[in-house]
Amino acid sequence: MSVPHHPHLRSPLGLGQATVALLGLVVLSDVFALGAGLDVHRVSDDLAAGASSFEAAPMSGPAHRADTLYMAAGLVQTAVWLACGVVFLCWLYRLRLNAEVFSPDGHRKPRAWVIAGWIVPLAGFWYPRRIVLDIWDASRSGGGRARHGLVNAWWALWLLATTAETLIADGYDSARTAAQFRDAALQGMVVDTIDIVAAGLAVLLVLRLTRMQHQKALARPIPSRLLAENPLL
């Protein structure tokens, strides 16, 4: 018979700082992609009046440079998002374990959904938000009605950015004329802008939740044995 795992408080500060740093890199990669998209848009505008095909432009000219930069920006965005996603989930899982100490019966989804909720189709539209809300409610101090404005704003922007990214994913690769490349670049710039705002809200969310748990843990009487085993700095 397996022994159930009973979580102990562990510091969220280190993972919180790492997550914020990587979210900052996400913003920088989006800014890089915005600049690359603007370059593609400008070059495409120039070609639209003359050459009918973006690909027909000299491969050593501005079109080739803009295309190369845009593709590189996409690769950078993907790499940064993967790294950020892994660390974000580690941070969120740490917060969930702490939240179970604060409020053992205050979670509507099993612990496995902290990770699975982002992977399982359809569940990803609402499970992560539900899990974060439960963590928020368990981590806050004081009475009164909980306010979830920050969580809801972050989740709405995240869903908007990821859905829009899915819808335009093949637009640039399937483009052939200068006008099509221009439109694909413009769509990508809109998505990158939404993503920047979503990442900014995610930074605020990580900072706020990390601080809430840290302050509540410091105010909570903890047995000396647990404090020695799992110091919350």
Foldseek 3Di string as FASTA:
>chain_A
DDDDDQFAAFALVVLLVVLLVLLVQLLVLLVQLLVLLVLLLVVLVVCVVPPFWLVPPPCVDSSVVSVVSNVVSVVSNVVSVVVSVVSVLVSLLSLLSLLCVLPVPQAPDDSVCSPVCCPDPPSVLPVNLSSLVSSQVSLADDDDDDDCVLSVVLSVLVVVLVVLCVVLVCQCVPDTTSVSSNVSSVSSSVSSVSSSVSSVSVSVSSVVSSVSNLVVVVVDDDPPVSCVVHPHD
